[in-house]
Protein backbone atom coordinates (compact mmCIF):
# COMPACT_ATOMS: atom_id res chain seq x y z
CA MET A 1 -24.99 37.08 50.61
CA SER A 2 -21.51 34.83 49.94
CA VAL A 3 -19.92 35.78 46.80
CA VAL A 4 -17.42 32.82 46.44
CA GLY A 5 -16.71 31.26 43.70
CA LYS A 6 -15.63 28.22 41.92
CA GLN A 7 -14.25 26.50 38.63
CA LEU A 8 -16.40 23.77 37.33
CA ASN A 9 -13.89 22.07 35.12
CA PRO A 10 -10.77 20.86 36.53
CA VAL A 11 -7.13 22.14 36.25
CA GLN A 12 -5.48 20.04 33.45
CA THR A 13 -2.82 17.87 34.18
CA ASN A 14 0.55 18.11 33.00
CA SER A 15 1.29 14.60 31.63
CA ALA A 16 4.66 15.78 30.68
CA ALA A 17 5.66 16.82 34.40
CA VAL A 18 4.30 13.10 35.42
CA ALA A 19 6.11 11.52 32.65
CA ALA A 20 9.68 13.61 33.39
CA ASN A 21 9.25 12.10 37.16
CA SER A 22 8.76 8.68 36.24
CA THR A 23 11.93 8.60 33.90
CA ALA A 24 13.99 10.70 36.67
CA ALA A 25 12.99 7.66 39.16
CA ALA A 26 13.89 5.25 36.76
CA VAL A 27 17.32 6.77 35.80
CA ALA A 28 18.20 6.61 39.60
CA ALA A 29 17.53 3.26 40.06
CA GLY A 30 20.52 2.66 37.93
CA SER A 31 24.46 2.68 38.20
CA SER A 32 26.34 5.81 38.68
CA SER A 33 27.98 5.29 35.61
CA GLU A 34 24.83 4.26 33.54
CA VAL A 35 23.30 7.06 34.66
CA ASN A 36 25.92 9.79 33.50
CA ASN A 37 26.22 8.02 30.34
CA ALA A 38 22.32 8.19 30.06
CA ASN A 39 22.17 11.91 30.98
CA ALA A 40 25.04 13.05 28.64
CA ALA A 41 23.28 10.97 25.74
CA ALA A 42 19.94 12.55 26.79
CA ALA A 43 21.23 16.03 27.09
CA VAL A 44 22.76 15.92 23.54
CA VAL A 45 19.29 14.72 22.09
CA ALA A 46 16.89 17.06 24.06
CA ALA A 47 19.00 19.83 22.86
CA ALA A 48 18.78 18.94 19.16
CA ALA A 49 14.90 17.93 19.34
CA ALA A 50 14.16 21.39 21.51
CA ALA A 51 16.07 23.07 18.53
CA ALA A 52 13.81 21.51 16.10
CA ALA A 53 10.59 21.87 18.43
CA GLY A 54 11.83 25.75 18.34
CA ASP A 55 11.76 26.00 14.90
CA ALA A 56 8.40 24.37 14.28
CA LYS A 57 6.91 26.50 16.84
CA ARG A 58 7.95 29.70 15.32
CA LYS A 59 6.30 28.63 12.23
CA GLU A 60 2.96 28.58 14.23
CA GLU A 61 3.62 32.32 15.27
CA SER A 62 0.32 34.32 15.06
CA ASN A 63 0.28 37.65 13.03
CA VAL A 64 -2.72 39.12 15.42
CA THR A 65 -1.92 42.37 16.93
CA PRO A 66 -3.16 44.25 20.07
CA GLU A 67 -5.32 46.55 17.78
CA ASP A 68 -6.84 43.88 16.11
CA VAL A 69 -8.14 42.23 19.58
CA LEU A 70 -9.33 45.18 20.61
CA ARG A 71 -11.17 45.68 17.33
CA LEU A 72 -13.63 42.38 17.98
CA ASN A 73 -17.07 43.05 18.53
CA LYS A 74 -17.73 39.71 19.88
CA ILE A 75 -16.42 36.63 21.42
CA THR A 76 -14.01 34.95 18.93
CA ASP A 77 -15.56 31.67 17.34
CA ASP A 78 -11.88 29.85 17.43
CA TYR A 79 -8.48 30.32 19.13
CA LEU A 80 -6.80 32.92 17.60
CA CYS A 81 -3.29 31.03 17.62
CA SER A 82 -1.87 27.91 18.17
CA ALA A 83 -1.33 26.38 21.43
CA ASN A 84 2.46 26.16 20.17
CA ALA A 85 2.55 29.82 20.08
CA ASN A 86 3.70 29.96 23.41
CA VAL A 87 7.21 29.49 22.64
CA PHE A 88 8.09 31.17 25.76
CA GLU A 89 6.59 28.41 27.74
CA ILE A 90 4.37 30.78 30.11
CA ASP A 91 2.36 28.70 32.60
CA PHE A 92 0.03 29.83 34.96
CA THR A 93 0.08 27.99 38.30
CA ARG A 94 -1.90 29.71 40.59
CA PHE A 95 -4.98 32.35 40.56
CA LYS A 96 -6.80 34.07 43.10
CA ILE A 97 -9.63 36.77 43.17
CA ARG A 98 -10.52 39.03 46.12
CA ASP A 99 -12.83 41.96 46.74
CA LEU A 100 -10.76 44.82 47.55
CA GLU A 101 -13.24 46.59 49.74
CA SER A 102 -13.60 43.50 52.05
CA GLY A 103 -10.50 41.81 51.28
CA ALA A 104 -12.77 38.31 51.23
CA VAL A 105 -11.08 35.62 48.83
CA LEU A 106 -13.78 34.92 46.29
CA PHE A 107 -11.97 32.11 44.11
CA GLU A 108 -8.53 30.37 44.66
CA ILE A 109 -6.87 27.50 42.68
CA ALA A 110 -3.23 26.42 42.16
CA LYS A 111 -1.75 23.82 40.26
CA PRO A 112 -0.26 20.96 42.61
CA PRO A 113 3.60 21.60 43.21
CA SER A 114 4.52 18.49 41.17
CA GLU A 115 2.98 19.76 38.51
CA GLN A 116 4.95 23.09 38.32
CA PHE A 117 8.34 23.58 37.22
CA PRO A 118 10.58 22.21 39.83
CA ASP A 119 13.18 25.16 41.29
CA GLY A 120 16.91 24.40 41.13
CA LEU A 121 17.07 22.50 37.73
CA SER A 122 20.38 21.78 36.54
CA VAL A 123 20.53 22.40 32.62
CA GLU A 124 20.99 18.52 32.29
CA ASP A 125 17.85 17.92 34.24
CA THR A 126 16.01 20.81 32.09
CA MET A 127 17.02 19.47 28.96
CA LEU A 128 15.51 15.83 29.92
CA ALA A 129 12.23 17.61 30.80
CA ALA A 130 12.16 19.21 27.50
CA ALA A 131 12.88 15.80 25.63
CA GLU A 132 10.13 14.36 27.70
CA ASP A 133 7.76 17.56 26.14
CA LEU A 134 8.62 16.20 22.96
CA THR A 135 7.56 12.61 23.26
CA LEU A 136 3.81 13.31 24.12
CA ASP A 137 1.18 12.15 22.20
CA ASP A 138 0.37 14.23 19.20
CA THR A 139 -3.28 13.26 19.35
CA ALA A 140 -4.04 14.92 22.56
CA ASP A 141 -5.97 17.62 22.41
CA PRO A 142 -4.15 20.95 21.56
CA ASN A 143 -6.59 23.20 23.44
CA ALA A 144 -6.41 21.54 26.82
CA GLY A 145 -6.02 23.65 29.72
CA ARG A 146 -7.04 26.68 27.37
CA TYR A 147 -10.75 27.31 28.72
CA VAL A 148 -12.37 27.53 31.78
CA ARG A 149 -15.81 27.70 33.38
CA TYR A 150 -16.71 29.65 36.43
CA GLN A 151 -19.66 29.87 38.52
CA PHE A 152 -20.21 32.66 40.89
CA THR A 153 -23.55 33.93 42.95
CA PRO A 154 -25.54 36.92 41.92
CA ALA A 155 -23.73 39.13 44.56
CA PHE A 156 -20.77 39.17 42.50
CA LEU A 157 -22.35 41.25 40.06
CA ASN A 158 -22.73 44.08 42.79
CA LEU A 159 -18.80 44.07 43.31
CA LYS A 160 -17.19 47.46 42.17
CA THR A 161 -13.58 46.40 42.51
CA VAL A 162 -11.64 43.48 42.54
CA GLY A 163 -7.94 42.44 42.73
CA ALA A 164 -6.84 39.32 40.50
CA THR A 165 -3.57 37.60 41.76
CA VAL A 166 -1.61 35.33 39.23
CA GLU A 167 1.39 33.50 39.50
CA PHE A 168 3.26 32.38 36.37
CA THR A 169 6.55 30.84 35.66
CA VAL A 170 8.48 31.29 32.15
CA GLY A 171 10.86 29.10 30.25
CA SER A 172 14.11 29.55 28.87
CA GLN A 173 13.78 32.73 27.06
CA PRO A 174 13.34 36.15 28.49
CA VAL A 175 9.85 37.75 28.14
CA ASN A 176 9.65 41.43 27.17
CA ASN A 177 6.63 43.67 27.26
CA PHE A 178 4.21 40.97 28.19
CA ARG A 179 0.80 42.20 28.17
CA MET A 180 -2.60 41.02 28.33
CA ILE A 181 -5.74 41.99 26.72
CA GLU A 182 -9.26 40.69 28.30
CA ARG A 183 -12.55 41.05 26.84
CA HIS A 184 -15.90 40.45 28.54
CA PHE A 185 -19.01 39.93 26.58
CA PHE A 186 -22.54 39.00 27.39
CA ARG A 187 -23.66 37.18 24.19
CA ASP A 188 -22.54 39.94 21.51
CA ARG A 189 -22.58 42.94 23.94
CA LEU A 190 -19.22 44.34 25.19
CA LEU A 191 -18.96 44.59 28.50
CA LYS A 192 -15.73 45.72 29.51
CA THR A 193 -12.18 45.32 28.10
CA PHE A 194 -8.90 45.24 30.41
CA ASP A 195 -5.51 45.78 29.46
CA PHE A 196 -2.77 45.15 31.45
CA GLU A 197 1.12 44.73 31.62
CA PHE A 198 3.09 41.98 33.23
CA GLY A 199 6.36 43.85 32.27
CA TYR A 200 9.56 42.04 31.48
CA CYS A 201 10.37 38.42 33.19
CA ILE A 202 13.70 36.75 33.41
CA PRO A 203 13.85 33.12 31.85
CA TYR A 204 13.24 30.34 34.44
CA SER A 205 11.54 32.87 36.70
CA LYS A 206 8.38 32.58 39.06
CA ASN A 207 6.66 35.63 38.71
CA THR A 208 3.43 36.86 40.91
CA CYS A 209 1.39 40.30 40.20
CA GLU A 210 -2.18 41.68 41.20
CA HIS A 211 -4.17 43.27 38.58
CA ILE A 212 -7.29 45.57 39.56
CA TYR A 213 -10.68 44.87 37.99
CA GLU A 214 -12.89 48.04 38.25
CA PHE A 215 -16.20 46.69 36.89
CA PRO A 216 -18.72 48.39 35.33
CA ASN A 217 -22.10 50.24 36.50
CA LEU A 218 -24.92 47.38 34.67
CA PRO A 219 -28.44 48.26 34.49
CA PRO A 220 -30.57 46.21 36.28
CA ASP A 221 -32.41 44.45 33.81
CA LEU A 222 -28.75 43.48 32.26
CA VAL A 223 -27.56 41.80 35.63
CA ALA A 224 -31.20 40.22 35.99
CA GLU A 225 -30.60 38.80 32.54
CA MET A 226 -27.04 37.53 33.19
CA ILE A 227 -28.18 35.85 36.30
CA SER A 228 -30.85 34.07 34.09
CA SER A 229 -28.45 33.18 31.51
CA PRO A 230 -25.62 30.86 32.85
CA PHE A 231 -22.45 30.58 31.00
CA GLU A 232 -23.86 33.36 28.18
CA THR A 233 -21.09 35.71 29.89
CA ARG A 234 -18.17 35.00 28.16
CA SER A 235 -14.21 36.04 27.66
CA ASP A 236 -11.38 36.30 25.81
CA SER A 237 -7.59 36.83 27.24
CA PHE A 238 -5.04 37.34 24.85
CA TYR A 239 -1.32 37.64 25.82
CA PHE A 240 1.28 39.30 23.85
CA VAL A 241 4.71 39.37 24.09
CA GLU A 242 6.27 42.36 22.23
CA ASN A 243 3.18 42.90 20.57
CA ARG A 244 2.96 39.01 19.09
CA LEU A 245 -0.01 36.89 20.08
CA VAL A 246 1.35 34.10 22.00
CA MET A 247 -1.66 32.63 23.98
CA HIS A 248 -5.31 32.88 23.75
CA ASN A 249 -7.50 31.50 26.48
CA LYS A 250 -11.25 31.43 26.90
CA ALA A 251 -13.83 31.27 30.08
CA ASP A 252 -17.46 31.50 30.41
CA TYR A 253 -19.15 32.44 33.51
CA ALA A 254 -22.52 31.74 35.54
CA TYR A 255 -23.81 34.01 38.41
CA ASP A 256 -26.75 31.59 39.58
CA GLY A 257 -24.81 30.17 42.04
CA GLY A 258 -26.89 29.18 45.40
CA ILE A 259 -29.90 30.08 43.69
CA ILE A 260 -32.90 27.41 44.37
CA VAL A 261 -35.14 26.74 41.61
């Protein structure tokens, strides 16, 4: 039986990247002197704006610790940190799940290259991109991109060991002691806690790592209930830098893919 999964809600579009590309095209159409003057002025404005934004983001830092989330006995009702707590600009750009026994790829998704942070950006271009980020509509959903819904076939619950490869970029600050704690629940029953270290990431770097998930042995009656109760299996993923919560993502899962009622 196939265990290939799919994501039921799309990857969020990074409107900042689209806006930055539009701005770059408009600037390129002008004269060289106008471009230099505009870029210089924009760089100064962007530097000041980025500093102000950094101060605002630091005020929204979470006091939640790894020990706090490890003590949770159910899925959280809300996000435990603001989207602005991600002061390190960590951005996940690719995700792949594979069965380690067979090597079969069960699920894979990636952001289009146009939505990823381009390689080789100059400092000036980086500042311009930061300025575009700050012009986004404040009424946009602050939690966009923090929730994912997956659907797998029942055979997924028979897997023993799965490798999850993640690719991500970081912004202008170095990232020390990057750690993820992921808690999986069926209703209010804890199924498994996964605790992974990403290590150190240099500024403006693209990083790839694979974490190994060893699935618990679930009783047959629980497996049957999980299959018949789509999206009641849920997870909280908490991301810490130096024991400070900077990201909190949520997901839910169905295991009834391919079942004909």
